[in-house]
Protein backbone atom coordinates (compact mmCIF):
# COMPACT_ATOMS: atom_id res chain seq x y z
CA MET A 1 108.86 92.32 74.86
CA ASN A 2 108.84 94.46 71.72
CA LEU A 3 105.11 95.01 72.06
CA PHE A 4 105.45 95.98 75.71
CA THR A 5 108.32 98.34 74.85
CA ASP A 6 106.56 99.92 71.87
CA GLN A 7 102.99 100.10 73.20
CA GLY A 8 103.49 99.95 76.94
CA TYR A 9 102.32 97.13 79.16
CA SER A 10 98.75 98.42 79.48
CA GLY A 11 98.47 99.08 75.76
CA THR A 12 99.42 95.53 74.81
CA THR A 13 96.76 92.82 74.60
CA VAL A 14 97.00 89.05 74.81
CA PRO A 15 95.72 88.67 71.22
CA GLN A 16 98.54 90.95 70.05
CA ILE A 17 101.11 88.91 71.98
CA ALA A 18 99.75 85.65 70.60
CA GLU A 19 99.75 86.97 67.04
CA ALA A 20 103.33 88.27 67.33
CA ALA A 21 104.41 84.85 68.63
CA GLY A 22 102.57 83.02 65.86
CA LEU A 23 100.09 81.48 68.29
CA THR A 24 96.38 81.51 68.78
CA THR A 25 94.99 83.18 71.88
CA ARG A 26 93.82 79.76 73.04
CA THR A 27 97.37 78.37 72.79
CA PHE A 28 98.68 81.39 74.68
CA PHE A 29 96.35 80.63 77.58
CA ARG A 30 97.50 77.01 77.67
CA HIS A 31 100.94 78.27 78.66
CA PHE A 32 100.25 81.55 80.47
CA SER A 33 97.47 82.64 82.80
CA ASP A 34 97.77 86.27 81.68
CA LYS A 35 100.19 88.67 80.00
CA ARG A 36 102.07 89.23 83.28
CA ASP A 37 103.31 85.66 83.05
CA VAL A 38 105.19 86.57 79.88
CA LEU A 39 107.26 89.10 81.84
CA PHE A 40 107.81 86.83 84.82
CA LEU A 41 108.36 83.53 83.01
CA ARG A 42 111.99 83.05 84.10
CA ASP A 43 111.25 84.07 87.67
CA ARG A 44 109.93 80.59 88.31
CA GLU A 45 113.35 79.12 87.54
CA PHE A 46 115.70 81.61 89.15
CA PRO A 47 115.22 80.71 92.84
CA GLN A 48 115.85 77.06 92.05
CA ALA A 49 118.95 77.95 90.05
CA VAL A 50 120.34 79.93 92.99
CA SER A 51 119.56 76.99 95.31
CA ASP A 52 121.38 74.67 92.93
CA PHE A 53 124.40 76.99 92.87
CA MET A 54 124.41 77.11 96.68
CA GLU A 55 124.23 73.31 96.91
CA SER A 56 127.38 73.09 94.80
CA ILE A 57 129.35 75.11 97.39
CA PRO A 58 131.42 72.90 99.74
CA GLN A 59 129.55 72.13 102.96
CA GLU A 60 132.32 73.46 105.19
CA ARG A 61 131.79 77.03 104.00
CA GLY A 62 129.73 79.23 106.31
CA GLY A 63 126.33 80.71 105.54
CA THR A 64 127.55 84.07 104.31
CA ALA A 65 130.25 82.57 102.09
CA THR A 66 127.74 80.10 100.66
CA VAL A 67 125.22 82.80 99.84
CA ARG A 68 127.85 85.04 98.27
CA ALA A 69 129.25 82.21 96.16
CA GLY A 70 125.77 81.09 95.09
CA LEU A 71 124.72 84.59 94.08
CA ALA A 72 128.05 85.19 92.33
CA ALA A 73 127.46 82.07 90.22
CA ALA A 74 123.96 83.30 89.42
CA CYS A 75 125.43 86.66 88.39
CA ARG A 76 127.78 84.98 85.95
CA GLY A 77 124.81 83.16 84.45
CA LEU A 78 122.90 86.42 83.97
CA GLN A 79 125.77 88.49 82.59
CA GLU A 80 124.85 87.87 78.94
CA TRP A 81 121.24 88.94 79.53
CA ARG A 82 121.88 92.57 80.47
CA GLU A 83 119.91 94.17 77.62
CA GLN A 84 116.91 91.87 78.05
CA ILE A 85 116.89 92.31 81.82
CA ALA A 86 117.09 96.10 81.44
CA ARG A 87 114.15 96.11 79.02
CA ARG A 88 112.08 93.89 81.28
CA ARG A 89 112.90 95.95 84.36
CA SER A 90 111.95 99.16 82.56
CA ILE A 91 108.56 97.70 81.64
CA ILE A 92 107.96 96.47 85.20
CA ARG A 93 108.93 99.80 86.75
CA SER A 94 106.70 101.74 84.35
CA GLU A 95 103.59 99.80 85.40
CA PRO A 96 102.53 100.00 89.07
CA ALA A 97 100.35 96.90 88.65
CA LEU A 98 103.52 94.85 88.10
CA HIS A 99 105.38 96.00 91.23
CA GLU A 100 103.65 93.49 93.50
CA ARG A 101 104.57 90.60 91.23
CA ASP A 102 108.18 91.81 91.20
CA LEU A 103 108.21 91.86 95.01
CA LEU A 104 107.03 88.25 94.94
CA ARG A 105 110.11 87.43 92.87
CA SER A 106 112.30 88.76 95.68
CA HIS A 107 110.25 86.88 98.26
CA TYR A 108 110.59 83.55 96.42
CA LEU A 109 114.32 84.06 96.00
CA ALA A 110 114.71 84.79 99.72
CA ARG A 111 112.74 81.65 100.63
CA ALA A 112 114.90 79.52 98.31
CA ILE A 113 118.09 80.91 99.86
CA GLU A 114 116.71 80.40 103.36
CA ARG A 115 115.76 76.77 102.62
CA SER A 116 119.24 76.11 101.22
CA LEU A 117 120.82 77.55 104.34
CA ASN A 118 118.51 75.54 106.59
CA GLN A 119 119.62 72.37 104.78
CA ARG A 120 123.17 73.30 105.78
CA ASP A 121 122.09 73.47 109.42
CA ILE A 122 122.39 77.24 109.59
CA ALA A 123 120.30 78.49 112.53
CA PRO A 124 116.80 79.45 111.29
CA GLU A 125 116.97 83.06 112.49
CA HIS A 126 120.41 83.48 110.89
CA ALA A 127 119.22 81.85 107.66
CA HIS A 128 116.15 84.10 107.50
CA THR A 129 118.14 87.30 108.09
CA LEU A 130 120.94 86.31 105.73
CA ALA A 131 118.47 85.41 102.97
CA ALA A 132 116.72 88.79 103.29
CA LEU A 133 120.06 90.61 103.25
CA ALA A 134 121.23 88.58 100.24
CA VAL A 135 118.15 89.43 98.20
CA THR A 136 118.46 93.11 99.10
CA CYS A 137 122.11 93.07 98.02
CA PHE A 138 121.23 91.24 94.81
CA ASP A 139 118.46 93.71 93.93
CA LEU A 140 120.73 96.69 94.65
CA ALA A 141 123.52 95.08 92.60
CA MET A 142 121.10 94.59 89.72
CA ASP A 143 120.24 98.31 89.85
CA ARG A 144 123.92 99.28 89.99
CA TRP A 145 124.75 96.95 87.10
CA LEU A 146 121.93 98.11 84.83
CA GLU A 147 122.50 101.79 85.55
CA GLY A 148 126.30 101.60 85.55
CA PRO A 149 128.91 101.54 82.81
CA SER A 150 128.67 98.77 80.23
CA ASP A 151 131.95 97.22 81.37
CA LEU A 152 130.69 96.67 84.93
CA SER A 153 129.89 93.02 85.53
CA LEU A 154 126.91 92.00 87.63
CA GLU A 155 129.24 89.97 89.85
CA ASP A 156 131.42 93.04 90.46
CA ALA A 157 128.31 95.10 91.24
CA LEU A 158 127.22 92.44 93.73
CA THR A 159 130.64 92.39 95.38
CA ALA A 160 130.61 96.18 95.68
CA VAL A 161 127.11 96.26 97.18
CA TRP A 162 127.97 93.47 99.61
CA THR A 163 131.13 95.30 100.67
CA ASP A 164 129.19 98.55 101.11
CA MET A 165 126.56 96.75 103.18
CA GLN A 166 129.19 95.20 105.44
CA GLY A 167 130.82 98.58 105.91
CA TRP A 168 127.54 100.23 106.86
CA ILE A 169 126.68 97.42 109.27
CA ASN A 170 130.12 97.48 110.89
CA GLY A 171 130.47 101.26 110.73
């Protein structure tokens, strides 16, 4: 991350990353297919973590309450990572070639939420729409959190975005 921050994403090479990590280039490629994978490493785990949080919500809760509770739990898990997430997001936003991969992150999260809702017998069209809305709210909350005051929690940002969204839909 330091190399990407100091030299920019395009200016950083795999050999530089490997050297900074104390690895050979060959070892790097055993674990990563390219340098993008370094930035998106945790994105493989996050959708499953949100699904796990949603599965822990009592079955009698409705789809919207389940999604909100699952994302709120995820927010609490990310709270300590604000600085690292801000650095990563800055790198991704500065490099157009990374935007597509970031959109895939949102897509995978939406699919994980949708699958979790389907397992709760939420109607497929409702699950699909709710998952898309949830990811949009989460992404907007992440922006609000990273750009807001340091005492704003990600969970509070998510609650505010969700409330705003409901107001706009109902208004």
